[in-house]
N, C-alpha and C. Protein backbone atom coordinates (compact mmCIF):
# COMPACT_ATOMS: atom_id res chain seq x y z
N MET A 1 58.39 90.44 169.51
CA MET A 1 59.32 89.51 170.11
C MET A 1 60.75 89.82 169.67
N ALA A 2 61.71 89.53 170.54
CA ALA A 2 63.12 89.77 170.22
C ALA A 2 63.61 88.75 169.22
N LYS A 3 64.54 89.19 168.35
CA LYS A 3 65.16 88.29 167.39
C LYS A 3 66.65 88.25 167.68
N VAL A 4 67.25 87.12 167.34
CA VAL A 4 68.66 86.93 167.63
C VAL A 4 69.31 86.15 166.50
N SER A 5 70.56 86.48 166.20
CA SER A 5 71.36 85.67 165.28
C SER A 5 72.06 84.59 166.09
N ILE A 6 72.31 83.46 165.45
CA ILE A 6 72.95 82.32 166.12
C ILE A 6 74.12 81.86 165.26
N GLY A 7 75.30 81.85 165.84
CA GLY A 7 76.47 81.34 165.12
C GLY A 7 77.03 82.31 164.10
N LEU A 8 76.20 82.73 163.14
CA LEU A 8 76.57 83.70 162.12
C LEU A 8 75.54 84.82 162.13
N ARG A 9 75.98 86.05 161.91
CA ARG A 9 75.03 87.15 161.80
C ARG A 9 74.29 87.04 160.47
N GLY A 10 73.09 87.56 160.44
CA GLY A 10 72.32 87.59 159.20
C GLY A 10 70.98 86.93 159.35
N TRP A 11 70.96 85.62 159.54
CA TRP A 11 69.70 84.94 159.80
C TRP A 11 69.21 85.31 161.19
N ARG A 12 67.96 85.73 161.29
CA ARG A 12 67.40 86.18 162.54
C ARG A 12 66.31 85.21 163.00
N PHE A 13 66.39 84.79 164.23
CA PHE A 13 65.45 83.83 164.80
C PHE A 13 64.63 84.49 165.91
N GLU A 14 63.35 84.14 165.97
CA GLU A 14 62.55 84.54 167.12
C GLU A 14 63.09 83.78 168.34
N GLU A 15 63.47 84.51 169.36
CA GLU A 15 64.04 83.87 170.54
C GLU A 15 63.10 82.82 171.12
N SER A 16 61.81 83.12 171.13
CA SER A 16 60.85 82.20 171.74
C SER A 16 60.72 80.89 170.97
N GLU A 17 61.07 80.90 169.67
CA GLU A 17 61.00 79.69 168.87
C GLU A 17 62.21 78.78 169.09
N VAL A 18 63.32 79.37 169.49
CA VAL A 18 64.57 78.62 169.59
C VAL A 18 64.97 78.33 171.03
N PHE A 19 64.66 79.25 171.94
CA PHE A 19 65.11 79.11 173.33
C PHE A 19 63.94 78.97 174.30
N THR A 20 64.17 78.23 175.36
CA THR A 20 63.20 78.13 176.44
C THR A 20 63.29 79.39 177.32
N ASP A 21 62.39 79.50 178.28
CA ASP A 21 62.43 80.64 179.20
C ASP A 21 63.72 80.66 180.01
N GLU A 22 64.36 79.49 180.14
CA GLU A 22 65.62 79.39 180.90
C GLU A 22 66.84 79.68 180.03
N GLY A 23 66.60 79.98 178.73
CA GLY A 23 67.71 80.30 177.85
C GLY A 23 68.38 79.10 177.22
N GLU A 24 67.79 77.92 177.35
CA GLU A 24 68.33 76.71 176.72
C GLU A 24 67.69 76.51 175.35
N PHE A 25 68.43 75.84 174.44
CA PHE A 25 67.85 75.52 173.15
C PHE A 25 66.67 74.57 173.33
N ARG A 26 65.59 74.84 172.61
CA ARG A 26 64.43 73.96 172.67
C ARG A 26 64.73 72.62 171.99
N PRO A 27 64.03 71.54 172.37
CA PRO A 27 64.14 70.29 171.61
C PRO A 27 63.74 70.55 170.16
N LEU A 28 64.40 69.90 169.22
CA LEU A 28 64.15 70.18 167.80
C LEU A 28 62.71 69.94 167.39
N ASP A 29 62.04 68.98 168.02
CA ASP A 29 60.66 68.71 167.67
C ASP A 29 59.73 69.86 168.02
N GLU A 30 60.19 70.77 168.86
CA GLU A 30 59.37 71.92 169.27
C GLU A 30 59.68 73.16 168.44
N VAL A 31 60.65 73.06 167.54
CA VAL A 31 61.06 74.21 166.73
C VAL A 31 60.35 74.16 165.38
N PRO A 32 59.77 75.28 164.91
CA PRO A 32 59.11 75.30 163.59
C PRO A 32 60.03 74.81 162.49
N ASP A 33 59.45 74.22 161.45
CA ASP A 33 60.22 73.54 160.41
C ASP A 33 61.29 74.43 159.79
N ASP A 34 60.94 75.63 159.34
CA ASP A 34 61.91 76.49 158.66
C ASP A 34 63.02 76.91 159.62
N THR A 35 62.64 77.25 160.84
CA THR A 35 63.64 77.63 161.85
C THR A 35 64.57 76.46 162.15
N ARG A 36 64.01 75.27 162.28
CA ARG A 36 64.82 74.09 162.56
C ARG A 36 65.80 73.82 161.43
N ARG A 37 65.35 73.98 160.19
CA ARG A 37 66.22 73.73 159.04
C ARG A 37 67.40 74.71 159.04
N ARG A 38 67.12 75.98 159.34
CA ARG A 38 68.19 76.97 159.39
C ARG A 38 69.16 76.66 160.53
N LEU A 39 68.62 76.28 161.68
CA LEU A 39 69.47 75.99 162.82
C LEU A 39 70.40 74.81 162.53
N ILE A 40 69.86 73.77 161.91
CA ILE A 40 70.67 72.61 161.54
C ILE A 40 71.72 73.01 160.51
N ARG A 41 71.31 73.80 159.53
CA ARG A 41 72.24 74.22 158.49
C ARG A 41 73.40 75.03 159.06
N LEU A 42 73.12 75.82 160.10
CA LEU A 42 74.18 76.62 160.71
C LEU A 42 75.30 75.76 161.27
N THR A 43 74.97 74.57 161.75
CA THR A 43 76.02 73.70 162.28
C THR A 43 76.99 73.28 161.18
N TYR A 44 76.50 73.25 159.93
CA TYR A 44 77.36 72.92 158.79
C TYR A 44 78.17 74.13 158.32
N LEU A 45 77.57 75.32 158.43
CA LEU A 45 78.22 76.52 157.91
C LEU A 45 79.31 77.06 158.83
N GLN A 46 79.27 76.69 160.09
CA GLN A 46 80.28 77.16 161.03
C GLN A 46 81.68 76.80 160.52
N GLY A 47 82.54 77.80 160.45
CA GLY A 47 83.92 77.55 160.05
C GLY A 47 84.17 77.60 158.56
N LYS A 48 83.12 77.81 157.75
CA LYS A 48 83.31 77.91 156.31
C LYS A 48 83.95 79.25 155.94
N PRO A 49 84.64 79.31 154.80
CA PRO A 49 85.29 80.58 154.41
C PRO A 49 84.32 81.58 153.82
N CYS A 50 84.70 82.83 153.88
CA CYS A 50 83.97 83.91 153.22
C CYS A 50 84.01 83.69 151.70
N ASP A 51 82.86 83.89 151.05
CA ASP A 51 82.80 83.73 149.59
C ASP A 51 83.80 84.65 148.89
N ALA A 52 83.84 85.92 149.31
CA ALA A 52 84.71 86.89 148.65
C ALA A 52 86.18 86.53 148.84
N CYS A 53 86.54 86.12 150.03
CA CYS A 53 87.92 85.67 150.26
C CYS A 53 88.26 84.48 149.38
N TYR A 54 87.31 83.58 149.24
CA TYR A 54 87.55 82.39 148.43
C TYR A 54 87.76 82.78 146.97
N LEU A 55 87.02 83.77 146.49
CA LEU A 55 87.19 84.22 145.12
C LEU A 55 88.58 84.83 144.91
N ILE A 56 89.13 85.44 145.95
CA ILE A 56 90.46 86.04 145.86
C ILE A 56 91.56 84.99 145.90
N HIS A 57 91.45 84.06 146.85
CA HIS A 57 92.55 83.13 147.12
C HIS A 57 92.39 81.77 146.44
N GLY A 58 91.17 81.34 146.19
CA GLY A 58 90.94 80.05 145.55
C GLY A 58 91.14 78.87 146.48
N GLU A 59 90.86 77.70 145.96
CA GLU A 59 90.95 76.48 146.76
C GLU A 59 92.37 76.20 147.24
N ALA A 60 93.35 76.50 146.39
CA ALA A 60 94.74 76.20 146.74
C ALA A 60 95.21 77.01 147.95
N GLU A 61 94.66 78.21 148.12
CA GLU A 61 95.05 79.09 149.23
C GLU A 61 93.88 79.32 150.18
N LYS A 62 93.04 78.31 150.28
CA LYS A 62 91.83 78.44 151.10
C LYS A 62 92.15 78.81 152.54
N LYS A 63 93.29 78.38 153.03
CA LYS A 63 93.65 78.65 154.42
C LYS A 63 93.85 80.15 154.68
N ARG A 64 94.03 80.92 153.61
CA ARG A 64 94.21 82.37 153.76
C ARG A 64 92.88 83.11 153.86
N CYS A 65 91.79 82.41 153.62
CA CYS A 65 90.46 83.04 153.65
C CYS A 65 90.04 83.34 155.09
N ASN A 66 89.37 84.45 155.27
CA ASN A 66 88.74 84.73 156.55
C ASN A 66 87.56 83.79 156.76
N GLN A 67 87.34 83.44 157.99
CA GLN A 67 86.17 82.63 158.31
C GLN A 67 84.92 83.49 158.18
N ALA A 68 83.87 82.92 157.62
CA ALA A 68 82.62 83.66 157.44
C ALA A 68 82.04 84.06 158.80
N GLU A 69 81.49 85.26 158.85
CA GLU A 69 80.83 85.78 160.04
C GLU A 69 79.36 86.11 159.79
N ILE A 70 78.99 86.24 158.49
CA ILE A 70 77.66 86.71 158.11
C ILE A 70 77.10 85.77 157.06
N VAL A 71 75.81 85.50 157.13
CA VAL A 71 75.14 84.67 156.14
C VAL A 71 73.91 85.40 155.62
N TYR A 72 73.77 85.44 154.28
CA TYR A 72 72.58 85.96 153.63
C TYR A 72 72.02 84.86 152.73
N GLY A 73 70.72 84.82 152.56
CA GLY A 73 70.11 83.87 151.64
C GLY A 73 69.38 82.76 152.35
N GLU A 74 69.00 81.77 151.58
CA GLU A 74 68.25 80.63 152.07
C GLU A 74 69.16 79.43 152.26
N PRO A 75 68.78 78.48 153.13
CA PRO A 75 69.60 77.28 153.30
C PRO A 75 69.90 76.60 151.96
N MET A 76 71.14 76.24 151.77
CA MET A 76 71.67 75.64 150.56
C MET A 76 71.93 76.66 149.46
N GLU A 77 71.59 77.92 149.69
CA GLU A 77 71.77 78.96 148.68
C GLU A 77 72.42 80.20 149.32
N GLU A 78 73.27 79.98 150.30
CA GLU A 78 73.78 81.08 151.10
C GLU A 78 74.94 81.80 150.45
N VAL A 79 75.06 83.08 150.78
CA VAL A 79 76.28 83.84 150.54
C VAL A 79 76.90 84.06 151.91
N LEU A 80 78.13 83.61 152.07
CA LEU A 80 78.85 83.75 153.33
C LEU A 80 79.89 84.85 153.19
N LEU A 81 79.97 85.70 154.20
CA LEU A 81 80.86 86.85 154.13
C LEU A 81 81.58 87.07 155.45
N CYS A 82 82.78 87.62 155.36
CA CYS A 82 83.47 88.11 156.56
C CYS A 82 83.14 89.59 156.69
N SER A 83 83.47 90.18 157.82
CA SER A 83 83.15 91.59 158.04
C SER A 83 83.91 92.50 157.08
N ASP A 84 85.08 92.06 156.61
CA ASP A 84 85.87 92.87 155.67
C ASP A 84 85.17 93.03 154.32
N HIS A 85 84.36 92.04 153.94
CA HIS A 85 83.77 92.04 152.60
C HIS A 85 82.27 92.26 152.58
N GLU A 86 81.65 92.41 153.74
CA GLU A 86 80.20 92.63 153.73
C GLU A 86 79.86 93.94 153.02
N ALA A 87 80.66 94.98 153.23
CA ALA A 87 80.37 96.26 152.58
C ALA A 87 80.38 96.13 151.05
N ASP A 88 81.26 95.28 150.51
CA ASP A 88 81.29 95.06 149.06
C ASP A 88 79.97 94.45 148.59
N PHE A 89 79.49 93.48 149.34
CA PHE A 89 78.22 92.84 148.99
C PHE A 89 77.07 93.84 149.06
N LEU A 90 77.04 94.63 150.14
CA LEU A 90 75.96 95.59 150.32
C LEU A 90 75.99 96.66 149.23
N TYR A 91 77.19 97.10 148.86
CA TYR A 91 77.30 98.09 147.80
C TYR A 91 76.79 97.51 146.49
N TRP A 92 77.19 96.29 146.18
CA TRP A 92 76.72 95.66 144.94
C TRP A 92 75.20 95.54 144.95
N PHE A 93 74.64 95.17 146.05
CA PHE A 93 73.19 95.00 146.12
C PHE A 93 72.45 96.33 146.03
N ARG A 94 72.95 97.34 146.74
CA ARG A 94 72.26 98.62 146.81
C ARG A 94 72.54 99.52 145.61
N GLU A 95 73.80 99.54 145.18
CA GLU A 95 74.23 100.52 144.18
C GLU A 95 74.71 99.90 142.86
N GLY A 96 75.05 98.61 142.88
CA GLY A 96 75.65 98.00 141.70
C GLY A 96 74.73 97.13 140.88
N GLY A 97 73.43 97.26 141.09
CA GLY A 97 72.48 96.51 140.28
C GLY A 97 72.10 95.15 140.83
N GLY A 98 72.64 94.82 141.99
CA GLY A 98 72.35 93.49 142.54
C GLY A 98 70.89 93.25 142.84
N SER A 99 70.17 94.30 143.21
CA SER A 99 68.75 94.12 143.55
C SER A 99 67.92 93.67 142.35
N GLU A 100 68.43 93.90 141.13
CA GLU A 100 67.72 93.46 139.92
C GLU A 100 67.61 91.94 139.85
N TYR A 101 68.52 91.25 140.53
CA TYR A 101 68.54 89.79 140.48
C TYR A 101 67.87 89.17 141.70
N ARG A 102 67.18 90.00 142.45
CA ARG A 102 66.49 89.54 143.64
C ARG A 102 65.55 88.39 143.30
N GLY A 103 65.73 87.27 144.01
CA GLY A 103 64.89 86.11 143.80
C GLY A 103 65.28 85.25 142.61
N GLU A 104 66.32 85.65 141.87
CA GLU A 104 66.76 84.88 140.71
C GLU A 104 67.81 83.86 141.11
N GLU A 105 67.84 82.74 140.38
CA GLU A 105 68.83 81.70 140.67
C GLU A 105 70.25 82.17 140.41
N THR A 106 70.38 83.22 139.60
CA THR A 106 71.71 83.72 139.24
C THR A 106 72.24 84.75 140.24
N PHE A 107 71.48 85.03 141.31
CA PHE A 107 71.88 86.10 142.23
C PHE A 107 73.31 85.91 142.74
N ARG A 108 73.58 84.73 143.25
CA ARG A 108 74.91 84.50 143.82
C ARG A 108 75.99 84.58 142.75
N ASP A 109 75.72 84.00 141.58
CA ASP A 109 76.68 84.06 140.48
C ASP A 109 76.95 85.50 140.07
N GLU A 110 75.90 86.33 140.03
CA GLU A 110 76.07 87.71 139.62
C GLU A 110 76.99 88.46 140.60
N PHE A 111 76.81 88.21 141.89
CA PHE A 111 77.70 88.86 142.86
C PHE A 111 79.13 88.36 142.68
N HIS A 112 79.28 87.05 142.50
CA HIS A 112 80.63 86.49 142.30
C HIS A 112 81.30 87.11 141.08
N GLU A 113 80.55 87.24 139.98
CA GLU A 113 81.13 87.81 138.77
C GLU A 113 81.51 89.27 138.98
N TRP A 114 80.65 90.02 139.66
CA TRP A 114 80.94 91.42 139.95
C TRP A 114 82.19 91.55 140.80
N PHE A 115 82.30 90.75 141.82
CA PHE A 115 83.45 90.81 142.73
C PHE A 115 84.72 90.33 142.03
N ALA A 116 84.62 89.26 141.24
CA ALA A 116 85.78 88.70 140.55
C ALA A 116 86.33 89.67 139.50
N ALA A 117 85.49 90.61 139.06
CA ALA A 117 85.92 91.62 138.09
C ALA A 117 86.57 92.81 138.78
N ASP A 118 86.97 92.62 140.03
CA ASP A 118 87.68 93.64 140.82
C ASP A 118 86.81 94.84 141.20
N ASN A 119 85.51 94.65 141.23
CA ASN A 119 84.63 95.69 141.73
C ASN A 119 84.59 95.63 143.25
N ARG A 120 84.58 96.78 143.89
CA ARG A 120 84.55 96.86 145.34
C ARG A 120 83.72 98.06 145.77
N ALA A 121 83.33 98.06 147.04
CA ALA A 121 82.67 99.23 147.61
C ALA A 121 83.67 100.37 147.73
N PRO A 122 83.22 101.61 147.57
CA PRO A 122 84.14 102.74 147.77
C PRO A 122 84.66 102.78 149.20
N ASP A 123 85.82 103.34 149.39
CA ASP A 123 86.38 103.49 150.73
C ASP A 123 85.39 104.23 151.62
N GLY A 124 85.19 103.70 152.82
CA GLY A 124 84.30 104.35 153.77
C GLY A 124 82.84 104.02 153.60
N TYR A 125 82.51 103.16 152.61
CA TYR A 125 81.11 102.82 152.41
C TYR A 125 80.58 102.08 153.64
N GLY A 126 79.45 102.49 154.16
CA GLY A 126 78.92 101.93 155.40
C GLY A 126 78.22 100.60 155.20
N GLY A 127 78.33 99.76 156.19
CA GLY A 127 77.61 98.50 156.17
C GLY A 127 76.37 98.57 157.04
N LEU A 128 76.00 97.46 157.65
CA LEU A 128 74.87 97.42 158.55
C LEU A 128 75.36 97.54 159.99
N GLU A 129 74.46 97.90 160.87
CA GLU A 129 74.84 98.09 162.27
C GLU A 129 75.43 96.84 162.89
N HIS A 130 74.95 95.67 162.44
CA HIS A 130 75.43 94.44 163.08
C HIS A 130 76.90 94.17 162.80
N VAL A 131 77.50 94.91 161.82
CA VAL A 131 78.92 94.72 161.53
C VAL A 131 79.76 95.00 162.77
N ASP A 132 79.26 95.88 163.65
CA ASP A 132 80.02 96.26 164.83
C ASP A 132 79.82 95.30 166.00
N THR A 133 79.01 94.29 165.80
CA THR A 133 78.75 93.32 166.87
C THR A 133 79.72 92.16 166.74
N GLY A 134 80.42 91.84 167.82
CA GLY A 134 81.41 90.77 167.76
C GLY A 134 80.76 89.41 167.59
N PRO A 135 81.24 88.58 166.65
CA PRO A 135 80.65 87.26 166.43
C PRO A 135 80.75 86.37 167.64
N ASP A 136 81.74 86.59 168.51
CA ASP A 136 81.87 85.73 169.69
C ASP A 136 80.73 85.94 170.68
N GLU A 137 79.97 87.03 170.49
CA GLU A 137 78.87 87.30 171.40
C GLU A 137 77.60 86.56 171.00
N LEU A 138 77.59 85.96 169.82
CA LEU A 138 76.40 85.26 169.35
C LEU A 138 76.30 83.89 170.01
N PRO A 139 75.06 83.44 170.27
CA PRO A 139 74.91 82.07 170.77
C PRO A 139 75.45 81.07 169.75
N THR A 140 76.01 79.99 170.20
CA THR A 140 76.55 78.95 169.32
C THR A 140 75.52 77.84 169.14
N PRO A 141 75.22 77.45 167.90
CA PRO A 141 74.25 76.37 167.71
C PRO A 141 74.76 75.07 168.29
N PRO A 142 73.87 74.17 168.71
CA PRO A 142 74.32 72.87 169.24
C PRO A 142 75.14 72.13 168.19
N ASP A 143 76.12 71.34 168.64
CA ASP A 143 76.91 70.58 167.67
C ASP A 143 76.06 69.41 167.14
N PRO A 144 76.52 68.77 166.02
CA PRO A 144 75.71 67.72 165.40
C PRO A 144 75.30 66.60 166.34
N ALA A 145 76.21 66.15 167.20
CA ALA A 145 75.88 65.05 168.11
C ALA A 145 74.77 65.46 169.07
N GLU A 146 74.83 66.70 169.55
CA GLU A 146 73.81 67.18 170.47
C GLU A 146 72.47 67.34 169.77
N LEU A 147 72.49 67.83 168.52
CA LEU A 147 71.25 67.95 167.75
C LEU A 147 70.57 66.59 167.61
N ASN A 148 71.36 65.57 167.28
CA ASN A 148 70.78 64.25 167.09
C ASN A 148 70.31 63.64 168.40
N ARG A 149 71.04 63.88 169.47
CA ARG A 149 70.60 63.36 170.77
C ARG A 149 69.24 63.92 171.14
N ARG A 150 69.09 65.23 170.92
CA ARG A 150 67.81 65.86 171.25
C ARG A 150 66.70 65.38 170.34
N LEU A 151 67.04 65.18 169.06
CA LEU A 151 66.03 64.76 168.11
C LEU A 151 65.54 63.35 168.38
N ASN A 152 66.42 62.49 168.86
CA ASN A 152 66.08 61.08 169.05
C ASN A 152 65.79 60.72 170.51
N GLU A 153 65.78 61.71 171.38
CA GLU A 153 65.53 61.47 172.79
C GLU A 153 64.14 60.85 172.96
N ASN A 154 64.09 59.75 173.71
CA ASN A 154 62.83 59.05 173.99
C ASN A 154 62.14 58.58 172.72
N TYR A 155 62.92 58.33 171.68
CA TYR A 155 62.35 57.87 170.41
C TYR A 155 62.87 56.47 170.13
N GLU A 156 61.97 55.52 170.00
CA GLU A 156 62.37 54.12 169.88
C GLU A 156 61.99 53.57 168.50
N GLY A 157 62.71 52.55 168.09
CA GLY A 157 62.37 51.83 166.87
C GLY A 157 63.05 52.38 165.64
N LYS A 158 62.72 53.61 165.28
CA LYS A 158 63.32 54.25 164.12
C LYS A 158 64.07 55.49 164.57
N ARG A 159 65.21 55.67 163.98
CA ARG A 159 66.05 56.83 164.31
C ARG A 159 65.79 57.96 163.32
N LYS A 160 65.76 59.18 163.82
CA LYS A 160 65.68 60.35 162.96
C LYS A 160 67.11 60.76 162.62
N ARG A 161 67.38 60.85 161.33
CA ARG A 161 68.72 61.18 160.85
C ARG A 161 68.72 62.61 160.29
N ILE A 162 69.72 63.41 160.68
CA ILE A 162 69.85 64.77 160.20
C ILE A 162 70.91 64.84 159.11
N ASP A 163 70.55 65.44 157.98
CA ASP A 163 71.52 65.76 156.95
C ASP A 163 71.95 67.20 157.18
N LEU A 164 73.20 67.39 157.61
CA LEU A 164 73.66 68.73 157.97
C LEU A 164 73.75 69.66 156.77
N LYS A 165 73.94 69.12 155.59
CA LYS A 165 74.05 69.98 154.41
C LYS A 165 72.70 70.58 154.05
N THR A 166 71.66 69.74 154.03
CA THR A 166 70.36 70.21 153.58
C THR A 166 69.44 70.60 154.72
N GLY A 167 69.72 70.11 155.93
CA GLY A 167 68.83 70.36 157.05
C GLY A 167 67.64 69.44 157.08
N GLU A 168 67.60 68.46 156.18
CA GLU A 168 66.47 67.55 156.12
C GLU A 168 66.59 66.46 157.18
N ILE A 169 65.44 66.00 157.63
CA ILE A 169 65.37 64.95 158.64
C ILE A 169 64.66 63.75 158.03
N THR A 170 65.30 62.59 158.08
CA THR A 170 64.71 61.35 157.57
C THR A 170 64.65 60.33 158.70
N HIS A 171 63.97 59.21 158.43
CA HIS A 171 63.82 58.17 159.43
C HIS A 171 64.47 56.88 158.94
N ASP A 172 65.25 56.24 159.81
CA ASP A 172 65.92 54.99 159.49
C ASP A 172 65.63 53.99 160.59
N GLU A 173 65.71 52.70 160.24
CA GLU A 173 65.73 51.69 161.28
C GLU A 173 67.01 51.87 162.07
N TRP A 174 66.93 51.84 163.37
CA TRP A 174 68.07 52.19 164.22
C TRP A 174 68.52 50.97 165.01
N SER A 175 69.78 50.55 164.75
CA SER A 175 70.34 49.43 165.50
C SER A 175 71.07 49.91 166.74
N GLY A 176 71.26 51.25 166.82
CA GLY A 176 71.91 51.81 167.99
C GLY A 176 73.41 51.99 167.85
N ASP A 177 74.01 51.48 166.77
CA ASP A 177 75.47 51.59 166.64
C ASP A 177 75.88 52.30 165.36
N GLU A 178 74.95 53.06 164.75
CA GLU A 178 75.26 53.74 163.52
C GLU A 178 75.70 55.17 163.81
N ASP A 179 76.39 55.78 162.84
CA ASP A 179 76.73 57.19 162.97
C ASP A 179 75.44 57.98 163.05
N GLU A 180 75.45 59.06 163.82
CA GLU A 180 74.22 59.77 164.09
C GLU A 180 73.96 60.95 163.18
N THR A 181 74.89 61.29 162.30
CA THR A 181 74.65 62.35 161.33
C THR A 181 75.12 61.91 159.98
N GLU A 182 74.52 62.54 158.95
CA GLU A 182 75.03 62.32 157.61
C GLU A 182 76.42 62.92 157.53
N ASP A 183 77.32 62.26 156.80
CA ASP A 183 78.66 62.81 156.62
C ASP A 183 78.58 64.13 155.87
N GLU A 184 79.41 65.07 156.26
CA GLU A 184 79.49 66.32 155.53
C GLU A 184 80.23 66.07 154.23
N ASP A 185 79.83 66.79 153.20
CA ASP A 185 80.48 66.67 151.90
C ASP A 185 81.72 67.52 151.92
N GLU A 186 82.88 66.87 152.07
CA GLU A 186 84.12 67.61 152.16
C GLU A 186 84.48 68.29 150.85
N ALA A 187 83.83 67.88 149.76
CA ALA A 187 84.12 68.50 148.48
C ALA A 187 83.27 69.73 148.24
N ASP A 188 82.47 70.12 149.23
CA ASP A 188 81.61 71.29 149.09
C ASP A 188 82.45 72.52 148.81
N THR A 189 82.18 73.23 147.71
CA THR A 189 82.96 74.40 147.34
C THR A 189 82.02 75.56 147.08
N MET A 190 82.60 76.66 146.60
CA MET A 190 81.83 77.86 146.35
C MET A 190 81.12 77.78 145.00
N ASP A 191 81.10 76.63 144.34
CA ASP A 191 80.51 76.53 143.02
C ASP A 191 79.00 76.36 143.05
N ASP A 192 78.42 76.06 144.23
CA ASP A 192 76.98 75.92 144.32
C ASP A 192 76.35 77.27 143.97
N VAL A 193 75.23 77.22 143.23
CA VAL A 193 74.56 78.44 142.81
C VAL A 193 73.21 78.50 143.49
N GLY A 194 72.87 79.66 144.06
CA GLY A 194 71.56 79.81 144.66
C GLY A 194 71.16 81.26 144.66
N ASP A 195 69.85 81.52 144.89
CA ASP A 195 69.41 82.90 144.98
C ASP A 195 69.29 83.30 146.44
N LEU A 196 69.04 84.56 146.65
CA LEU A 196 68.93 85.09 148.00
C LEU A 196 67.52 85.57 148.22
N ASP A 197 66.96 85.22 149.35
CA ASP A 197 65.64 85.71 149.72
C ASP A 197 65.84 87.04 150.42
N LEU A 198 65.57 88.12 149.71
CA LEU A 198 65.85 89.44 150.26
C LEU A 198 64.77 89.91 151.21
N GLY A 199 63.84 89.04 151.55
CA GLY A 199 62.86 89.37 152.57
C GLY A 199 63.35 89.00 153.94
N GLN A 200 64.56 88.47 154.05
CA GLN A 200 65.11 87.97 155.31
C GLN A 200 66.00 89.02 155.96
N ASP A 201 65.41 90.03 156.60
CA ASP A 201 66.19 91.07 157.28
C ASP A 201 67.36 91.50 156.41
N TYR A 202 67.07 91.90 155.18
CA TYR A 202 68.11 92.10 154.20
C TYR A 202 68.51 93.55 154.09
N PRO A 203 69.63 93.82 153.43
CA PRO A 203 70.13 95.19 153.38
C PRO A 203 69.15 96.14 152.72
N THR A 204 68.96 97.28 153.33
CA THR A 204 68.15 98.34 152.76
C THR A 204 68.95 99.63 152.80
N LYS A 205 68.50 100.60 152.08
CA LYS A 205 69.22 101.88 152.07
C LYS A 205 68.98 102.62 153.37
């Protein structure tokens, strides 16, 4: 089956799990749990800065950061990268000892420390083929309001609530006039620590 990235390159979805034969997004109740969690999480990650740019410019100059185009890792434990810095990440993983931390909680911290110490990929170091694919060509995940509409369509009594940060779905009594998504944590920064699941279409030599 064909696989496709949505919103950000990196996470790969089975097209048949996410899209109908007509090319429309499937109702969330028809999407497998892990796929649904990633899809929901993508709506939160859209527009976030590249980790490497953030390490260079910091919170005070966050506006100078490139917007992330690539995501590696598991939901809530992602490394976000722009195309300018993906080669640095790949070099660290392939040649700089990063693979030793595969599956460890310190994986993201180790990359941050390596990058913050002014380590970079050599000039001309190659990335992955998808680096040449324009992000504007990727399908865009449904926005939060649309996700909730689909999730609660024809559902009475209790409302299903989506937490965009975690991708978790809970049930609440629904009066019909409440906000339909959990508020995003505006204080979310690059300080969260997580590991990367390198079994997810990950960089290889």
